[in-house]
Amino acid sequence: MTDCVVDARGDEVAIWHVHTGFDTGMPRLTGAWVLSVREVAKIELLVRGRRVLATAAGEKALRRLGVRVEAHIDPDATLKGFAALCEELQAVYDALEKKPKQPSWPTLPQPLDMSALGAEPALTVARWLERMAIVWDEIEGERSTRKYLPHGRERRPVALAVRGAG
């Protein structure tokens, strides 16, 4: 699964593709483009079928250009969902009478502050999304190898919280 980050400045739209699927050993940042707002067809092609995490300027540009986004990634809800899953899994472990080796949960990234993204907002957001995919792999690695933890033995795709087009 490849998702994308969208930002805009002036007459340009910046798009980063971020691989959020299962770890393949390849880089998670899989492509970056800076396109003129006149290149609507290319922008649509790069966004089509992907979940989008957009800055405020990116969302505004996509709306203005009429580029349809099927699912917007909600970074706050995603982070809360990851934290809740770690708490749920830890509670299951804590309730065990006989304690096997303690799972090691990863440190979650800081919340994404869209108002303070710095000089390269698209890259900052892409790096945050990359980190979330890595953290998910770590959580699933801990969960899936312990038969006493819920949700089965198979690793699950990254659970990004999304909201529909709107």
C-alpha atoms as a PDB file:
ATOM      1  CA  MET A   1       0.000   0.000   0.000  1.00  0.00           C
ATOM      2  CA  THR A   2       1.332   3.391  -0.946  1.00  0.00           C
ATOM      3  CA  ASP A   3      -0.236   6.501   0.513  1.00  0.00           C
ATOM      4  CA  CYS A   4       0.634  10.080  -0.273  1.00  0.00           C
ATOM      5  CA  VAL A   5       1.354  13.417   1.294  1.00  0.00           C
ATOM      6  CA  VAL A   6       0.297  16.601  -0.469  1.00  0.00           C
ATOM      7  CA  ASP A   7       1.442  20.172   0.149  1.00  0.00           C
ATOM      8  CA  ALA A   8       1.235  23.297  -1.979  1.00  0.00           C
ATOM      9  CA  ARG A   9       3.099  26.566  -2.257  1.00  0.00           C
ATOM     10  CA  GLY A  10       2.124  29.253  -4.696  1.00  0.00           C
ATOM     11  CA  ASP A  11       1.650  27.627  -8.084  1.00  0.00           C
ATOM     12  CA  GLU A  12       3.228  24.287  -7.133  1.00  0.00           C
ATOM     13  CA  VAL A  13       1.967  21.096  -5.549  1.00  0.00           C
ATOM     14  CA  ALA A  14       4.418  18.798  -3.749  1.00  0.00           C
ATOM     15  CA  ILE A  15       3.542  15.114  -3.484  1.00  0.00           C
ATOM     16  CA  TRP A  16       5.406  12.400  -1.588  1.00  0.00           C
ATOM     17  CA  HIS A  17       4.509   8.736  -1.934  1.00  0.00           C
ATOM     18  CA  VAL A  18       5.035   6.743   1.263  1.00  0.00           C
ATOM     19  CA  HIS A  19       4.939   2.940   1.319  1.00  0.00           C
ATOM     20  CA  THR A  20       2.817   2.062   4.371  1.00  0.00           C
ATOM     21  CA  GLY A  21       2.354  -1.609   3.554  1.00  0.00           C
ATOM     22  CA  PHE A  22       4.280  -4.531   4.975  1.00  0.00           C
ATOM     23  CA  ASP A  23       8.012  -3.960   5.339  1.00  0.00           C
ATOM     24  CA  THR A  24       9.742  -5.198   2.199  1.00  0.00           C
ATOM     25  CA  GLY A  25      13.207  -3.972   3.118  1.00  0.00           C
ATOM     26  CA  MET A  26      12.895  -1.178   0.557  1.00  0.00           C
ATOM     27  CA  PRO A  27      12.723   2.534   1.428  1.00  0.00           C
ATOM     28  CA  ARG A  28       9.330   3.737   2.593  1.00  0.00           C
ATOM     29  CA  LEU A  29       9.649   7.116   0.872  1.00  0.00           C
ATOM     30  CA  THR A  30       9.101   5.931  -2.676  1.00  0.00           C
ATOM     31  CA  GLY A  31       8.805   9.075  -4.752  1.00  0.00           C
ATOM     32  CA  ALA A  32       8.550  12.849  -4.663  1.00  0.00           C
ATOM     33  CA  TRP A  33       7.215  15.300  -7.196  1.00  0.00           C
ATOM     34  CA  VAL A  34       6.853  19.073  -7.375  1.00  0.00           C
ATOM     35  CA  LEU A  35       4.340  19.923 -10.075  1.00  0.00           C
ATOM     36  CA  SER A  36       2.813  23.081 -11.447  1.00  0.00           C
ATOM     37  CA  VAL A  37      -0.855  23.519 -10.574  1.00  0.00           C
ATOM     38  CA  ARG A  38      -1.394  23.451 -14.348  1.00  0.00           C
ATOM     39  CA  GLU A  39      -0.436  19.749 -14.351  1.00  0.00           C
ATOM     40  CA  VAL A  40      -3.770  18.628 -12.926  1.00  0.00           C
ATOM     41  CA  ALA A  41      -3.792  15.307 -14.791  1.00  0.00           C
ATOM     42  CA  LYS A  42      -0.418  14.325 -13.270  1.00  0.00           C
ATOM     43  CA  ILE A  43      -1.523  15.433  -9.801  1.00  0.00           C
ATOM     44  CA  GLU A  44      -4.711  13.377 -10.143  1.00  0.00           C
ATOM     45  CA  LEU A  45      -2.715  10.349 -11.283  1.00  0.00           C
ATOM     46  CA  LEU A  46      -0.337  10.584  -8.304  1.00  0.00           C
ATOM     47  CA  VAL A  47      -3.220  10.901  -5.813  1.00  0.00           C
ATOM     48  CA  ARG A  48      -5.723   8.490  -7.383  1.00  0.00           C
ATOM     49  CA  GLY A  49      -6.531   5.421  -5.279  1.00  0.00           C
ATOM     50  CA  ARG A  50      -4.338   6.512  -2.382  1.00  0.00           C
ATOM     51  CA  ARG A  51      -5.073   7.640   1.126  1.00  0.00           C
ATOM     52  CA  VAL A  52      -3.916  11.249   1.410  1.00  0.00           C
ATOM     53  CA  LEU A  53      -2.336  13.130   4.285  1.00  0.00           C
ATOM     54  CA  ALA A  54      -2.434  16.753   3.196  1.00  0.00           C
ATOM     55  CA  THR A  55      -1.303  19.981   4.765  1.00  0.00           C
ATOM     56  CA  ALA A  56      -3.887  22.779   4.894  1.00  0.00           C
ATOM     57  CA  ALA A  57      -2.338  24.292   1.757  1.00  0.00           C
ATOM     58  CA  GLY A  58      -2.328  20.883   0.083  1.00  0.00           C
ATOM     59  CA  GLU A  59      -6.013  20.281   0.836  1.00  0.00           C
ATOM     60  CA  LYS A  60      -6.897  23.742  -0.429  1.00  0.00           C
ATOM     61  CA  ALA A  61      -4.978  23.172  -3.679  1.00  0.00           C
ATOM     62  CA  LEU A  62      -6.586  19.772  -4.270  1.00  0.00           C
ATOM     63  CA  ARG A  63     -10.062  21.261  -3.778  1.00  0.00           C
ATOM     64  CA  ARG A  64      -9.283  24.236  -6.026  1.00  0.00           C
ATOM     65  CA  LEU A  65      -7.960  21.927  -8.759  1.00  0.00           C
ATOM     66  CA  GLY A  66     -10.937  19.576  -8.425  1.00  0.00           C
ATOM     67  CA  VAL A  67      -8.739  16.588  -7.554  1.00  0.00           C
ATOM     68  CA  ARG A  68     -10.874  13.978  -5.808  1.00  0.00           C
ATOM     69  CA  VAL A  69      -9.471  12.352  -2.689  1.00  0.00           C
ATOM     70  CA  GLU A  70     -11.176   9.129  -1.654  1.00  0.00           C
ATOM     71  CA  ALA A  71      -9.754   8.965   1.871  1.00  0.00           C
ATOM     72  CA  HIS A  72      -7.997  11.554   3.992  1.00  0.00           C
ATOM     73  CA  ILE A  73      -5.611  10.236   6.654  1.00  0.00           C
ATOM     74  CA  ASP A  74      -6.422  11.585  10.109  1.00  0.00           C
ATOM     75  CA  PRO A  75      -3.047  11.817  11.892  1.00  0.00           C
ATOM     76  CA  ASP A  76      -4.472  12.490  15.364  1.00  0.00           C
ATOM     77  CA  ALA A  77      -6.929   9.593  15.217  1.00  0.00           C
ATOM     78  CA  THR A  78      -4.208   7.330  13.798  1.00  0.00           C
ATOM     79  CA  LEU A  79      -1.843   8.141  16.643  1.00  0.00           C
ATOM     80  CA  LYS A  80      -4.617   7.642  19.211  1.00  0.00           C
ATOM     81  CA  GLY A  81      -5.523   4.312  17.608  1.00  0.00           C
ATOM     82  CA  PHE A  82      -1.927   3.095  17.793  1.00  0.00           C
ATOM     83  CA  ALA A  83      -1.674   4.157  21.445  1.00  0.00           C
ATOM     84  CA  ALA A  84      -4.986   2.465  22.282  1.00  0.00           C
ATOM     85  CA  LEU A  85      -3.846  -0.775  20.635  1.00  0.00           C
ATOM     86  CA  CYS A  86      -0.596  -0.777  22.638  1.00  0.00           C
ATOM     87  CA  GLU A  87      -2.580  -0.171  25.832  1.00  0.00           C
ATOM     88  CA  GLU A  88      -5.023  -2.967  24.958  1.00  0.00           C
ATOM     89  CA  LEU A  89      -2.227  -5.427  24.248  1.00  0.00           C
ATOM     90  CA  GLN A  90      -0.312  -4.426  27.383  1.00  0.00           C
ATOM     91  CA  ALA A  91      -3.472  -4.898  29.470  1.00  0.00           C
ATOM     92  CA  VAL A  92      -3.824  -8.445  28.117  1.00  0.00           C
ATOM     93  CA  TYR A  93      -0.219  -9.144  29.085  1.00  0.00           C
ATOM     94  CA  ASP A  94      -0.669  -7.549  32.523  1.00  0.00           C
ATOM     95  CA  ALA A  95      -3.707  -9.768  33.203  1.00  0.00           C
ATOM     96  CA  LEU A  96      -1.748 -12.991  32.649  1.00  0.00           C
ATOM     97  CA  GLU A  97      -1.025 -14.993  35.790  1.00  0.00           C
ATOM     98  CA  LYS A  98       2.134 -16.538  34.426  1.00  0.00           C
ATOM     99  CA  LYS A  99       4.158 -13.828  32.730  1.00  0.00           C
ATOM    100  CA  PRO A 100       6.116 -14.723  29.606  1.00  0.00           C
ATOM    101  CA  LYS A 101       8.699 -12.274  28.259  1.00  0.00           C
ATOM    102  CA  GLN A 102       7.380  -8.701  28.377  1.00  0.00           C
ATOM    103  CA  PRO A 103       6.455  -7.310  24.931  1.00  0.00           C
ATOM    104  CA  SER A 104       8.479  -4.279  23.906  1.00  0.00           C
ATOM    105  CA  TRP A 105       6.187  -1.610  22.493  1.00  0.00           C
ATOM    106  CA  PRO A 106       7.758   1.067  20.293  1.00  0.00           C
ATOM    107  CA  THR A 107       7.795   4.716  21.208  1.00  0.00           C
ATOM    108  CA  LEU A 108       5.091   6.491  19.258  1.00  0.00           C
ATOM    109  CA  PRO A 109       5.965   9.623  17.288  1.00  0.00           C
ATOM    110  CA  GLN A 110       4.913  13.000  18.602  1.00  0.00           C
ATOM    111  CA  PRO A 111       1.572  14.279  17.306  1.00  0.00           C
ATOM    112  CA  LEU A 112       1.850  15.877  13.878  1.00  0.00           C
ATOM    113  CA  ASP A 113       1.630  19.639  14.388  1.00  0.00           C
ATOM    114  CA  MET A 114       0.418  20.843  11.010  1.00  0.00           C
ATOM    115  CA  SER A 115       0.901  24.480  12.081  1.00  0.00           C
ATOM    116  CA  ALA A 116       4.659  24.048  12.648  1.00  0.00           C
ATOM    117  CA  LEU A 117       6.023  21.997   9.773  1.00  0.00           C
ATOM    118  CA  GLY A 118       9.130  24.025   9.042  1.00  0.00           C
ATOM    119  CA  ALA A 119      10.754  24.783   5.698  1.00  0.00           C
ATOM    120  CA  GLU A 120       9.847  21.501   3.967  1.00  0.00           C
ATOM    121  CA  PRO A 121       6.292  20.663   5.079  1.00  0.00           C
ATOM    122  CA  ALA A 122       5.701  17.831   2.595  1.00  0.00           C
ATOM    123  CA  LEU A 123       8.896  16.041   3.620  1.00  0.00           C
ATOM    124  CA  THR A 124       8.181  16.571   7.333  1.00  0.00           C
ATOM    125  CA  VAL A 125       4.712  15.032   6.963  1.00  0.00           C
ATOM    126  CA  ALA A 126       6.054  12.204   4.777  1.00  0.00           C
ATOM    127  CA  ARG A 127       8.682  11.382   7.399  1.00  0.00           C
ATOM    128  CA  TRP A 128       5.974  11.306  10.095  1.00  0.00           C
ATOM    129  CA  LEU A 129       3.855   8.933   7.996  1.00  0.00           C
ATOM    130  CA  GLU A 130       6.940   6.797   7.329  1.00  0.00           C
ATOM    131  CA  ARG A 131       7.584   6.594  11.078  1.00  0.00           C
ATOM    132  CA  MET A 132       3.970   5.550  11.724  1.00  0.00           C
ATOM    133  CA  ALA A 133       4.357   2.667   9.236  1.00  0.00           C
ATOM    134  CA  ILE A 134       7.567   1.562  10.951  1.00  0.00           C
ATOM    135  CA  VAL A 135       5.952   1.743  14.384  1.00  0.00           C
ATOM    136  CA  TRP A 136       2.998  -0.313  13.127  1.00  0.00           C
ATOM    137  CA  ASP A 137       5.401  -3.004  11.895  1.00  0.00           C
ATOM    138  CA  GLU A 138       7.034  -3.073  15.323  1.00  0.00           C
ATOM    139  CA  ILE A 139       3.686  -3.334  17.144  1.00  0.00           C
ATOM    140  CA  GLU A 140       2.487  -6.090  14.825  1.00  0.00           C
ATOM    141  CA  GLY A 141       5.782  -7.926  15.207  1.00  0.00           C
ATOM    142  CA  GLU A 142       5.365  -7.992  18.983  1.00  0.00           C
ATOM    143  CA  ARG A 143       1.654  -8.857  18.815  1.00  0.00           C
ATOM    144  CA  SER A 144       1.714 -11.529  16.130  1.00  0.00           C
ATOM    145  CA  THR A 145       4.463 -13.595  17.764  1.00  0.00           C
ATOM    146  CA  ARG A 146       2.610 -13.947  21.070  1.00  0.00           C
ATOM    147  CA  LYS A 147      -0.273 -16.403  20.915  1.00  0.00           C
ATOM    148  CA  TYR A 148      -1.848 -14.975  24.062  1.00  0.00           C
ATOM    149  CA  LEU A 149      -2.387 -11.578  22.415  1.00  0.00           C
ATOM    150  CA  PRO A 150      -5.586 -10.930  20.422  1.00  0.00           C
ATOM    151  CA  HIS A 151      -6.183 -10.345  16.705  1.00  0.00           C
ATOM    152  CA  GLY A 152      -4.667 -13.544  15.325  1.00  0.00           C
ATOM    153  CA  ARG A 153      -1.198 -14.574  14.242  1.00  0.00           C
ATOM    154  CA  GLU A 154      -1.136 -12.849  10.880  1.00  0.00           C
ATOM    155  CA  ARG A 155       0.343  -9.378  10.630  1.00  0.00           C
ATOM    156  CA  ARG A 156      -2.286  -6.826   9.722  1.00  0.00           C
ATOM    157  CA  PRO A 157      -2.008  -3.880   7.330  1.00  0.00           C
ATOM    158  CA  VAL A 158      -1.239  -0.533   8.926  1.00  0.00           C
ATOM    159  CA  ALA A 159      -4.334   0.849  10.648  1.00  0.00           C
ATOM    160  CA  LEU A 160      -4.390   4.435   9.461  1.00  0.00           C
ATOM    161  CA  ALA A 161      -7.494   6.308  10.557  1.00  0.00           C
ATOM    162  CA  VAL A 162      -9.189   7.902   7.569  1.00  0.00           C
ATOM    163  CA  ARG A 163     -12.155  10.032   6.782  1.00  0.00           C
ATOM    164  CA  GLY A 164     -13.888   9.881   3.437  1.00  0.00           C
ATOM    165  CA  ALA A 165     -13.963  12.460   0.709  1.00  0.00           C
ATOM    166  CA  GLY A 166     -15.566  15.640   1.717  1.00  0.00           C
END
